[in-house]
């Protein structure tokens, strides 16, 4: 993920969870890919699902998408993008692709639980229903 990529987040808690998730995801993909150009290709995929996430945030502001759906959307979209990506790359020699798929799935599950818990800890308030740039 490029350092200059903006990620729309609802609040600081959302930002911390999402940014941590993306850093860990990038590390897993970097470990999995054999060729540098494959890893660079995944960074482009990341930029696309971040853009999709940001666009959902805009629709949430406009009232066309429920805030909760947007808040929880990134890990689910990452899952499908990553599965598709794994279908097209060669993994590091001697590595098992299923191991990396499992790591990504585990990371997504943990992240969704963190996001769910953050909603319980601090539910929506009027002041929070504003999207912030990270």
N, C-alpha and C. Protein backbone atom coordinates (compact mmCIF):
# COMPACT_ATOMS: atom_id res chain seq x y z
N UNK A 1 0.86 -1.16 0.00
CA UNK A 1 0.00 0.00 0.00
C UNK A 1 0.90 1.22 0.00
N UNK A 2 0.63 2.13 -0.89
CA UNK A 2 1.42 3.34 -0.96
C UNK A 2 1.19 4.24 0.25
N UNK A 3 2.25 4.91 0.65
CA UNK A 3 2.16 5.80 1.81
C UNK A 3 1.20 6.97 1.56
N UNK A 4 1.00 7.32 0.29
CA UNK A 4 0.16 8.45 -0.03
C UNK A 4 -1.30 8.07 -0.29
N UNK A 5 -1.65 6.82 -0.06
CA UNK A 5 -3.02 6.37 -0.27
C UNK A 5 -3.87 6.82 0.92
N UNK A 6 -4.97 7.48 0.62
CA UNK A 6 -5.89 7.91 1.67
C UNK A 6 -6.92 6.82 1.92
N UNK A 7 -7.20 6.59 3.19
CA UNK A 7 -8.22 5.62 3.56
C UNK A 7 -9.25 6.35 4.40
N UNK A 8 -10.51 6.30 3.99
CA UNK A 8 -11.57 6.95 4.74
C UNK A 8 -11.94 6.08 5.93
N UNK A 9 -11.96 6.69 7.09
CA UNK A 9 -12.30 5.98 8.31
C UNK A 9 -13.32 6.79 9.11
N UNK A 10 -14.13 6.10 9.88
CA UNK A 10 -15.17 6.76 10.65
C UNK A 10 -14.60 7.47 11.87
N UNK A 11 -13.61 6.86 12.50
CA UNK A 11 -13.03 7.44 13.71
C UNK A 11 -11.62 6.86 13.90
N UNK A 12 -10.97 7.27 14.98
CA UNK A 12 -9.59 6.81 15.22
C UNK A 12 -9.52 5.30 15.43
N UNK A 13 -10.51 4.75 16.10
CA UNK A 13 -10.53 3.31 16.34
C UNK A 13 -10.62 2.55 15.01
N UNK A 14 -11.50 3.01 14.15
CA UNK A 14 -11.65 2.40 12.82
C UNK A 14 -10.33 2.51 12.06
N UNK A 15 -9.71 3.66 12.10
CA UNK A 15 -8.45 3.89 11.41
C UNK A 15 -7.36 2.94 11.90
N UNK A 16 -7.25 2.80 13.20
CA UNK A 16 -6.22 1.93 13.78
C UNK A 16 -6.41 0.48 13.34
N UNK A 17 -7.65 0.02 13.38
CA UNK A 17 -7.94 -1.37 13.00
C UNK A 17 -7.66 -1.59 11.52
N UNK A 18 -8.17 -0.70 10.68
CA UNK A 18 -8.04 -0.86 9.22
C UNK A 18 -6.58 -0.74 8.78
N UNK A 19 -5.87 0.26 9.29
CA UNK A 19 -4.48 0.44 8.87
C UNK A 19 -3.59 -0.72 9.35
N UNK A 20 -3.81 -1.18 10.57
CA UNK A 20 -3.07 -2.34 11.06
C UNK A 20 -3.34 -3.57 10.22
N UNK A 21 -4.60 -3.76 9.86
CA UNK A 21 -5.01 -4.88 9.01
C UNK A 21 -4.28 -4.83 7.67
N UNK A 22 -4.24 -3.66 7.04
CA UNK A 22 -3.62 -3.54 5.72
C UNK A 22 -2.11 -3.78 5.77
N UNK A 23 -1.46 -3.33 6.83
CA UNK A 23 -0.02 -3.56 6.99
C UNK A 23 0.26 -5.05 7.14
N UNK A 24 -0.51 -5.72 7.99
CA UNK A 24 -0.32 -7.17 8.18
C UNK A 24 -0.61 -7.94 6.89
N UNK A 25 -1.65 -7.53 6.19
CA UNK A 25 -1.99 -8.18 4.92
C UNK A 25 -0.85 -8.03 3.93
N UNK A 26 -0.31 -6.84 3.82
CA UNK A 26 0.79 -6.59 2.91
C UNK A 26 1.99 -7.48 3.26
N UNK A 27 2.27 -7.66 4.53
CA UNK A 27 3.38 -8.53 4.96
C UNK A 27 3.14 -9.98 4.54
N UNK A 28 1.92 -10.46 4.70
CA UNK A 28 1.61 -11.85 4.31
C UNK A 28 1.80 -12.03 2.81
N UNK A 29 1.30 -11.08 2.03
CA UNK A 29 1.41 -11.19 0.57
C UNK A 29 2.87 -11.10 0.14
N UNK A 30 3.62 -10.23 0.77
CA UNK A 30 5.04 -10.10 0.44
C UNK A 30 5.78 -11.42 0.72
N UNK A 31 5.46 -12.07 1.84
CA UNK A 31 6.07 -13.36 2.16
C UNK A 31 5.66 -14.44 1.16
N UNK A 32 4.46 -14.34 0.66
CA UNK A 32 3.93 -15.39 -0.22
C UNK A 32 4.46 -15.30 -1.64
N UNK A 33 4.67 -14.11 -2.12
CA UNK A 33 5.00 -13.96 -3.54
C UNK A 33 6.48 -14.20 -3.82
N UNK A 34 6.72 -14.89 -4.90
CA UNK A 34 8.09 -15.23 -5.31
C UNK A 34 8.73 -14.08 -6.07
N UNK A 35 7.98 -13.45 -6.93
CA UNK A 35 8.52 -12.38 -7.78
C UNK A 35 8.09 -11.01 -7.26
N UNK A 36 9.04 -10.07 -7.30
CA UNK A 36 8.75 -8.71 -6.85
C UNK A 36 7.62 -8.08 -7.65
N UNK A 37 7.56 -8.36 -8.94
CA UNK A 37 6.50 -7.75 -9.75
C UNK A 37 5.12 -8.26 -9.36
N UNK A 38 5.05 -9.50 -8.84
CA UNK A 38 3.77 -10.01 -8.34
C UNK A 38 3.35 -9.22 -7.10
N UNK A 39 4.30 -8.96 -6.23
CA UNK A 39 3.98 -8.18 -5.03
C UNK A 39 3.56 -6.77 -5.41
N UNK A 40 4.23 -6.16 -6.36
CA UNK A 40 3.85 -4.83 -6.83
C UNK A 40 2.45 -4.88 -7.45
N UNK A 41 2.15 -5.98 -8.13
CA UNK A 41 0.81 -6.16 -8.69
C UNK A 41 -0.25 -6.20 -7.61
N UNK A 42 0.07 -6.84 -6.49
CA UNK A 42 -0.90 -6.89 -5.39
C UNK A 42 -1.11 -5.52 -4.78
N UNK A 43 -0.07 -4.70 -4.73
CA UNK A 43 -0.22 -3.33 -4.22
C UNK A 43 -1.25 -2.56 -5.06
N UNK A 44 -1.27 -2.83 -6.36
CA UNK A 44 -2.27 -2.20 -7.22
C UNK A 44 -3.67 -2.72 -6.88
N UNK A 45 -3.75 -4.01 -6.57
CA UNK A 45 -5.04 -4.58 -6.14
C UNK A 45 -5.48 -3.91 -4.84
N UNK A 46 -4.53 -3.72 -3.91
CA UNK A 46 -4.85 -3.05 -2.63
C UNK A 46 -5.40 -1.65 -2.88
N UNK A 47 -4.76 -0.93 -3.78
CA UNK A 47 -5.23 0.42 -4.08
C UNK A 47 -6.67 0.39 -4.59
N UNK A 48 -7.01 -0.64 -5.36
CA UNK A 48 -8.38 -0.75 -5.89
C UNK A 48 -9.39 -1.05 -4.80
N UNK A 49 -9.07 -1.96 -3.86
CA UNK A 49 -10.08 -2.22 -2.83
C UNK A 49 -10.13 -1.11 -1.80
N UNK A 50 -9.07 -0.34 -1.65
CA UNK A 50 -9.13 0.85 -0.79
C UNK A 50 -10.01 1.91 -1.45
N UNK A 51 -9.85 2.08 -2.75
CA UNK A 51 -10.70 3.03 -3.48
C UNK A 51 -12.17 2.62 -3.38
N UNK A 52 -12.44 1.32 -3.51
CA UNK A 52 -13.80 0.82 -3.38
C UNK A 52 -14.34 1.12 -1.98
N UNK A 53 -13.53 0.87 -0.96
CA UNK A 53 -13.90 1.16 0.43
C UNK A 53 -14.21 2.65 0.60
N UNK A 54 -13.36 3.49 0.06
CA UNK A 54 -13.58 4.94 0.17
C UNK A 54 -14.87 5.36 -0.52
N UNK A 55 -15.13 4.78 -1.69
CA UNK A 55 -16.37 5.12 -2.41
C UNK A 55 -17.60 4.69 -1.62
N UNK A 56 -17.53 3.53 -0.96
CA UNK A 56 -18.64 3.10 -0.10
C UNK A 56 -18.84 4.11 1.03
N UNK A 57 -17.74 4.64 1.55
CA UNK A 57 -17.83 5.66 2.60
C UNK A 57 -18.57 6.89 2.12
N UNK A 58 -18.32 7.28 0.89
CA UNK A 58 -19.03 8.43 0.31
C UNK A 58 -20.52 8.12 0.20
N UNK A 59 -20.84 6.92 -0.25
CA UNK A 59 -22.25 6.51 -0.33
C UNK A 59 -22.90 6.46 1.05
N UNK A 60 -22.10 6.11 2.06
CA UNK A 60 -22.63 6.11 3.44
C UNK A 60 -22.99 7.53 3.86
N UNK A 61 -22.14 8.48 3.54
CA UNK A 61 -22.43 9.88 3.86
C UNK A 61 -23.71 10.34 3.16
N UNK A 62 -23.88 9.91 1.93
CA UNK A 62 -25.05 10.29 1.15
C UNK A 62 -26.31 9.54 1.57
N UNK A 63 -26.16 8.55 2.46
CA UNK A 63 -27.30 7.79 2.94
C UNK A 63 -27.70 6.64 2.04
N UNK A 64 -26.87 6.32 1.05
CA UNK A 64 -27.18 5.25 0.12
C UNK A 64 -26.65 3.89 0.57
N UNK A 65 -25.74 3.90 1.54
CA UNK A 65 -25.17 2.68 2.12
C UNK A 65 -25.20 2.86 3.63
N UNK A 66 -25.57 1.80 4.32
CA UNK A 66 -25.59 1.82 5.77
C UNK A 66 -24.16 1.95 6.30
N UNK A 67 -23.96 2.81 7.30
CA UNK A 67 -22.63 3.00 7.87
C UNK A 67 -22.01 1.69 8.33
N UNK A 68 -22.77 0.84 8.96
CA UNK A 68 -22.22 -0.43 9.46
C UNK A 68 -21.73 -1.30 8.31
N UNK A 69 -22.47 -1.34 7.21
CA UNK A 69 -22.03 -2.12 6.06
C UNK A 69 -20.70 -1.60 5.52
N UNK A 70 -20.58 -0.29 5.45
CA UNK A 70 -19.33 0.30 5.00
C UNK A 70 -18.20 0.02 6.00
N UNK A 71 -18.49 0.19 7.27
CA UNK A 71 -17.51 0.03 8.34
C UNK A 71 -16.88 -1.36 8.32
N UNK A 72 -17.67 -2.35 8.00
CA UNK A 72 -17.21 -3.74 8.01
C UNK A 72 -16.80 -4.27 6.63
N UNK A 73 -16.89 -3.45 5.60
CA UNK A 73 -16.74 -3.93 4.23
C UNK A 73 -15.32 -4.28 3.81
N UNK A 74 -14.34 -3.56 4.27
CA UNK A 74 -12.98 -3.73 3.75
C UNK A 74 -12.45 -5.16 3.89
N UNK A 75 -12.51 -5.78 5.06
CA UNK A 75 -11.97 -7.15 5.16
C UNK A 75 -12.67 -8.15 4.23
N UNK A 76 -13.97 -8.00 4.06
CA UNK A 76 -14.69 -8.92 3.16
C UNK A 76 -14.27 -8.72 1.71
N UNK A 77 -14.10 -7.49 1.29
CA UNK A 77 -13.66 -7.22 -0.08
C UNK A 77 -12.23 -7.69 -0.30
N UNK A 78 -11.41 -7.55 0.72
CA UNK A 78 -10.03 -8.02 0.64
C UNK A 78 -9.99 -9.53 0.43
N UNK A 79 -10.86 -10.24 1.11
CA UNK A 79 -10.90 -11.69 0.98
C UNK A 79 -11.04 -12.10 -0.49
N UNK A 80 -12.06 -11.55 -1.14
CA UNK A 80 -12.33 -11.95 -2.53
C UNK A 80 -11.22 -11.48 -3.46
N UNK A 81 -10.71 -10.30 -3.25
CA UNK A 81 -9.62 -9.80 -4.10
C UNK A 81 -8.36 -10.66 -3.93
N UNK A 82 -8.09 -11.07 -2.71
CA UNK A 82 -6.88 -11.84 -2.43
C UNK A 82 -6.99 -13.27 -2.96
N UNK A 83 -8.15 -13.88 -2.83
CA UNK A 83 -8.34 -15.22 -3.38
C UNK A 83 -8.13 -15.19 -4.90
N UNK A 84 -8.68 -14.18 -5.55
CA UNK A 84 -8.47 -14.03 -6.99
C UNK A 84 -7.01 -13.81 -7.33
N UNK A 85 -6.36 -13.01 -6.54
CA UNK A 85 -4.94 -12.73 -6.76
C UNK A 85 -4.10 -14.00 -6.60
N UNK A 86 -4.36 -14.76 -5.54
CA UNK A 86 -3.60 -15.98 -5.31
C UNK A 86 -3.74 -16.98 -6.46
N UNK A 87 -4.84 -16.91 -7.16
CA UNK A 87 -5.04 -17.84 -8.28
C UNK A 87 -4.08 -17.55 -9.43
N UNK A 88 -3.47 -16.37 -9.42
CA UNK A 88 -2.65 -15.99 -10.57
C UNK A 88 -1.16 -15.85 -10.28
N UNK A 89 -0.72 -16.11 -9.06
CA UNK A 89 0.70 -15.87 -8.74
C UNK A 89 1.43 -17.16 -8.40
N UNK A 90 2.73 -17.06 -8.53
CA UNK A 90 3.60 -18.16 -8.09
C UNK A 90 4.10 -17.78 -6.70
N UNK A 91 3.95 -18.70 -5.77
CA UNK A 91 4.39 -18.43 -4.40
C UNK A 91 5.88 -18.68 -4.27
N UNK A 92 6.43 -18.20 -3.17
CA UNK A 92 7.83 -18.40 -2.87
C UNK A 92 8.15 -19.90 -2.90
N UNK A 93 9.29 -20.23 -3.49
CA UNK A 93 9.67 -21.64 -3.64
C UNK A 93 9.64 -22.38 -2.32
N UNK A 94 9.04 -23.55 -2.34
CA UNK A 94 8.96 -24.38 -1.15
C UNK A 94 7.80 -24.01 -0.23
N UNK A 95 7.04 -23.02 -0.58
CA UNK A 95 5.92 -22.58 0.25
C UNK A 95 4.61 -23.16 -0.28
N UNK A 96 3.67 -23.33 0.61
CA UNK A 96 2.35 -23.85 0.27
C UNK A 96 1.37 -22.69 0.22
N UNK A 97 0.71 -22.52 -0.92
CA UNK A 97 -0.23 -21.41 -1.09
C UNK A 97 -1.35 -21.47 -0.05
N UNK A 98 -1.80 -22.67 0.30
CA UNK A 98 -2.88 -22.81 1.28
C UNK A 98 -2.49 -22.21 2.63
N UNK A 99 -1.22 -22.29 2.99
CA UNK A 99 -0.74 -21.70 4.24
C UNK A 99 -1.00 -20.18 4.24
N UNK A 100 -0.73 -19.54 3.11
CA UNK A 100 -0.92 -18.10 3.02
C UNK A 100 -2.40 -17.73 2.95
N UNK A 101 -3.19 -18.56 2.27
CA UNK A 101 -4.63 -18.33 2.24
C UNK A 101 -5.20 -18.39 3.66
N UNK A 102 -4.73 -19.36 4.43
CA UNK A 102 -5.19 -19.51 5.81
C UNK A 102 -4.78 -18.31 6.66
N UNK A 103 -3.57 -17.81 6.45
CA UNK A 103 -3.12 -16.62 7.19
C UNK A 103 -4.00 -15.42 6.88
N UNK A 104 -4.32 -15.25 5.60
CA UNK A 104 -5.18 -14.13 5.20
C UNK A 104 -6.57 -14.30 5.79
N UNK A 105 -7.12 -15.51 5.71
CA UNK A 105 -8.45 -15.76 6.27
C UNK A 105 -8.47 -15.50 7.77
N UNK A 106 -7.44 -15.94 8.47
CA UNK A 106 -7.35 -15.71 9.91
C UNK A 106 -7.27 -14.22 10.22
N UNK A 107 -6.45 -13.51 9.46
CA UNK A 107 -6.32 -12.06 9.66
C UNK A 107 -7.65 -11.35 9.42
N UNK A 108 -8.37 -11.76 8.40
CA UNK A 108 -9.67 -11.16 8.11
C UNK A 108 -10.65 -11.45 9.24
N UNK A 109 -10.68 -12.68 9.73
CA UNK A 109 -11.58 -13.04 10.83
C UNK A 109 -11.29 -12.22 12.07
N UNK A 110 -10.03 -12.10 12.41
CA UNK A 110 -9.62 -11.31 13.59
C UNK A 110 -10.01 -9.85 13.41
N UNK A 111 -9.80 -9.33 12.22
CA UNK A 111 -10.12 -7.93 11.96
C UNK A 111 -11.62 -7.68 12.05
N UNK A 112 -12.42 -8.58 11.50
CA UNK A 112 -13.88 -8.41 11.59
C UNK A 112 -14.34 -8.44 13.05
N UNK A 113 -13.73 -9.30 13.85
CA UNK A 113 -14.07 -9.34 15.29
C UNK A 113 -13.70 -8.04 15.96
N UNK A 114 -12.53 -7.49 15.63
CA UNK A 114 -12.12 -6.20 16.21
C UNK A 114 -13.09 -5.10 15.81
N UNK A 115 -13.50 -5.10 14.56
CA UNK A 115 -14.44 -4.08 14.09
C UNK A 115 -15.79 -4.24 14.79
N UNK A 116 -16.26 -5.47 14.92
CA UNK A 116 -17.52 -5.73 15.63
C UNK A 116 -17.44 -5.25 17.07
N UNK A 117 -16.36 -5.59 17.75
CA UNK A 117 -16.19 -5.17 19.15
C UNK A 117 -16.11 -3.66 19.27
N UNK A 118 -15.51 -3.01 18.30
CA UNK A 118 -15.41 -1.56 18.37
C UNK A 118 -16.78 -0.91 18.24
N UNK A 119 -17.69 -1.56 17.52
CA UNK A 119 -19.05 -1.04 17.41
C UNK A 119 -19.80 -1.18 18.74
N UNK A 120 -19.51 -2.26 19.45
CA UNK A 120 -20.14 -2.47 20.76
C UNK A 120 -19.58 -1.47 21.76
N UNK A 121 -18.26 -1.28 21.72
CA UNK A 121 -17.60 -0.38 22.67
C UNK A 121 -18.04 1.06 22.48
N UNK A 122 -18.27 1.45 21.24
CA UNK A 122 -18.66 2.82 20.97
C UNK A 122 -19.60 2.82 19.77
N UNK A 123 -20.86 2.85 20.05
CA UNK A 123 -21.83 2.82 18.96
C UNK A 123 -21.86 4.17 18.25
N UNK A 124 -22.66 4.24 17.21
CA UNK A 124 -22.72 5.46 16.39
C UNK A 124 -23.17 6.65 17.21
N UNK A 125 -22.53 7.75 16.99
CA UNK A 125 -22.98 9.02 17.55
C UNK A 125 -23.03 10.01 16.41
N UNK A 126 -23.75 11.07 16.60
CA UNK A 126 -23.87 12.07 15.54
C UNK A 126 -22.51 12.60 15.11
N UNK A 127 -21.64 12.86 16.08
CA UNK A 127 -20.33 13.42 15.74
C UNK A 127 -19.45 12.40 15.02
N UNK A 128 -19.71 11.12 15.19
CA UNK A 128 -18.88 10.12 14.54
C UNK A 128 -19.32 9.80 13.13
N UNK A 129 -20.51 10.16 12.76
CA UNK A 129 -20.97 9.82 11.43
C UNK A 129 -20.42 10.80 10.39
N UNK A 130 -19.16 11.09 10.56
CA UNK A 130 -18.41 11.91 9.62
C UNK A 130 -17.16 11.11 9.28
N UNK A 131 -16.82 11.07 8.03
CA UNK A 131 -15.69 10.28 7.60
C UNK A 131 -14.43 11.13 7.65
N UNK A 132 -13.37 10.54 8.15
CA UNK A 132 -12.09 11.24 8.28
C UNK A 132 -11.08 10.56 7.38
N UNK A 133 -10.14 11.35 6.89
CA UNK A 133 -9.05 10.78 6.12
C UNK A 133 -7.99 10.30 7.09
N UNK A 134 -7.41 9.17 6.78
CA UNK A 134 -6.33 8.66 7.61
C UNK A 134 -5.01 9.23 7.12
